[in-house]
Amino acid sequence: MTEPTEPRTDPESLSEFLEEAQDEDSFVEELSEETPREDAAEQRLELLRLRDSPLTERGVEIDPADAAEQARVVDPGDEEYR
């Protein structure tokens, strides 16, 4: 039987992201030799911030579709939501 793990959370800072990224082989594989590690980490951190919020503490009376739309993070360049 495996131990339950804590749910993964987004890093709070660039330094926290860099610490976590050192443990992940997938991040290292994505970088080319010419890409500065700090720049790539900062760009990836921005992408993580644009992810949708998890749907938690939703009341019973709230329509799930409405809650999902309200939790969606919209990219400022998204023409569909202007």
C-alpha atoms as a PDB file:
ATOM      1  CA  MET A   1       0.000   0.000   0.000  1.00  0.00           C
ATOM      2  CA  THR A   2       1.416   3.390  -0.935  1.00  0.00           C
ATOM      3  CA  GLU A   3       1.384   6.367   1.364  1.00  0.00           C
ATOM      4  CA  PRO A   4      -0.976   9.172   0.350  1.00  0.00           C
ATOM      5  CA  THR A   5       0.893  12.212  -0.861  1.00  0.00           C
ATOM      6  CA  GLU A   6       0.018  15.833  -0.329  1.00  0.00           C
ATOM      7  CA  PRO A   7      -1.600  17.579  -3.286  1.00  0.00           C
ATOM      8  CA  ARG A   8       0.864  19.537  -5.383  1.00  0.00           C
ATOM      9  CA  THR A   9       0.732  23.308  -5.010  1.00  0.00           C
ATOM     10  CA  ASP A  10       2.070  26.072  -7.210  1.00  0.00           C
ATOM     11  CA  PRO A  11       5.353  27.645  -6.136  1.00  0.00           C
ATOM     12  CA  GLU A  12       5.046  30.993  -4.363  1.00  0.00           C
ATOM     13  CA  SER A  13       8.280  32.484  -5.682  1.00  0.00           C
ATOM     14  CA  LEU A  14      10.862  32.076  -8.411  1.00  0.00           C
ATOM     15  CA  SER A  15      13.407  30.653  -5.971  1.00  0.00           C
ATOM     16  CA  GLU A  16      10.900  28.045  -4.734  1.00  0.00           C
ATOM     17  CA  PHE A  17      10.172  27.110  -8.342  1.00  0.00           C
ATOM     18  CA  LEU A  18      13.890  26.737  -9.101  1.00  0.00           C
ATOM     19  CA  GLU A  19      14.312  24.463  -6.066  1.00  0.00           C
ATOM     20  CA  GLU A  20      11.435  22.258  -7.222  1.00  0.00           C
ATOM     21  CA  ALA A  21      12.666  22.309 -10.808  1.00  0.00           C
ATOM     22  CA  GLN A  22      16.016  20.858  -9.779  1.00  0.00           C
ATOM     23  CA  ASP A  23      14.189  17.719  -8.662  1.00  0.00           C
ATOM     24  CA  GLU A  24      12.221  17.322 -11.890  1.00  0.00           C
ATOM     25  CA  ASP A  25      14.023  15.748 -14.827  1.00  0.00           C
ATOM     26  CA  SER A  26      11.347  16.856 -17.308  1.00  0.00           C
ATOM     27  CA  PHE A  27      12.171  20.522 -16.797  1.00  0.00           C
ATOM     28  CA  VAL A  28      15.860  19.942 -17.418  1.00  0.00           C
ATOM     29  CA  GLU A  29      15.123  18.059 -20.636  1.00  0.00           C
ATOM     30  CA  GLU A  30      13.080  20.959 -22.024  1.00  0.00           C
ATOM     31  CA  LEU A  31      15.929  23.472 -21.741  1.00  0.00           C
ATOM     32  CA  SER A  32      18.379  23.879 -24.543  1.00  0.00           C
ATOM     33  CA  GLU A  33      21.995  24.772 -23.881  1.00  0.00           C
ATOM     34  CA  GLU A  34      21.360  28.343 -25.034  1.00  0.00           C
ATOM     35  CA  THR A  35      18.385  28.983 -22.738  1.00  0.00           C
ATOM     36  CA  PRO A  36      19.244  30.748 -19.468  1.00  0.00           C
ATOM     37  CA  ARG A  37      17.796  28.652 -16.636  1.00  0.00           C
ATOM     38  CA  GLU A  38      16.490  31.672 -14.708  1.00  0.00           C
ATOM     39  CA  ASP A  39      14.652  33.078 -17.737  1.00  0.00           C
ATOM     40  CA  ALA A  40      13.012  29.751 -18.504  1.00  0.00           C
ATOM     41  CA  ALA A  41      11.960  29.318 -14.875  1.00  0.00           C
ATOM     42  CA  GLU A  42      10.453  32.804 -14.761  1.00  0.00           C
ATOM     43  CA  GLN A  43       8.474  32.190 -17.947  1.00  0.00           C
ATOM     44  CA  ARG A  44       7.209  28.855 -16.682  1.00  0.00           C
ATOM     45  CA  LEU A  45       6.219  30.442 -13.364  1.00  0.00           C
ATOM     46  CA  GLU A  46       4.079  32.959 -15.287  1.00  0.00           C
ATOM     47  CA  LEU A  47       2.337  30.084 -17.067  1.00  0.00           C
ATOM     48  CA  LEU A  48       1.621  28.369 -13.760  1.00  0.00           C
ATOM     49  CA  ARG A  49      -0.045  31.532 -12.479  1.00  0.00           C
ATOM     50  CA  LEU A  50      -2.384  31.573 -15.488  1.00  0.00           C
ATOM     51  CA  ARG A  51      -3.831  28.166 -14.631  1.00  0.00           C
ATOM     52  CA  ASP A  52      -7.440  27.942 -13.565  1.00  0.00           C
ATOM     53  CA  SER A  53      -8.247  28.002  -9.874  1.00  0.00           C
ATOM     54  CA  PRO A  54      -9.355  24.693  -8.364  1.00  0.00           C
ATOM     55  CA  LEU A  55     -13.064  24.476  -7.653  1.00  0.00           C
ATOM     56  CA  THR A  56     -13.269  24.270  -3.878  1.00  0.00           C
ATOM     57  CA  GLU A  57     -15.797  25.410  -1.313  1.00  0.00           C
ATOM     58  CA  ARG A  58     -18.559  25.528  -3.905  1.00  0.00           C
ATOM     59  CA  GLY A  59     -22.024  25.820  -2.435  1.00  0.00           C
ATOM     60  CA  VAL A  60     -24.739  23.321  -3.299  1.00  0.00           C
ATOM     61  CA  GLU A  61     -26.903  26.006  -4.909  1.00  0.00           C
ATOM     62  CA  ILE A  62     -24.196  27.055  -7.406  1.00  0.00           C
ATOM     63  CA  ASP A  63     -24.372  25.674 -10.950  1.00  0.00           C
ATOM     64  CA  PRO A  64     -21.119  23.737 -11.642  1.00  0.00           C
ATOM     65  CA  ALA A  65     -20.761  25.322 -15.101  1.00  0.00           C
ATOM     66  CA  ASP A  66     -21.070  28.839 -13.647  1.00  0.00           C
ATOM     67  CA  ALA A  67     -18.533  28.035 -10.928  1.00  0.00           C
ATOM     68  CA  ALA A  68     -16.082  26.679 -13.504  1.00  0.00           C
ATOM     69  CA  GLU A  69     -16.432  29.777 -15.692  1.00  0.00           C
ATOM     70  CA  GLN A  70     -15.953  32.123 -12.738  1.00  0.00           C
ATOM     71  CA  ALA A  71     -12.842  30.236 -11.613  1.00  0.00           C
ATOM     72  CA  ARG A  72     -11.265  30.424 -15.064  1.00  0.00           C
ATOM     73  CA  VAL A  73      -8.167  32.572 -15.338  1.00  0.00           C
ATOM     74  CA  VAL A  74      -8.308  34.558 -18.559  1.00  0.00           C
ATOM     75  CA  ASP A  75      -5.157  35.527 -20.407  1.00  0.00           C
ATOM     76  CA  PRO A  76      -5.146  39.308 -21.027  1.00  0.00           C
ATOM     77  CA  GLY A  77      -4.483  38.608 -24.716  1.00  0.00           C
ATOM     78  CA  ASP A  78      -7.492  36.299 -25.077  1.00  0.00           C
ATOM     79  CA  GLU A  79      -9.657  37.982 -27.739  1.00  0.00           C
ATOM     80  CA  GLU A  80     -12.641  35.764 -26.930  1.00  0.00           C
ATOM     81  CA  TYR A  81     -13.047  37.284 -23.435  1.00  0.00           C
ATOM     82  CA  ARG A  82     -12.658  40.988 -24.275  1.00  0.00           C
END
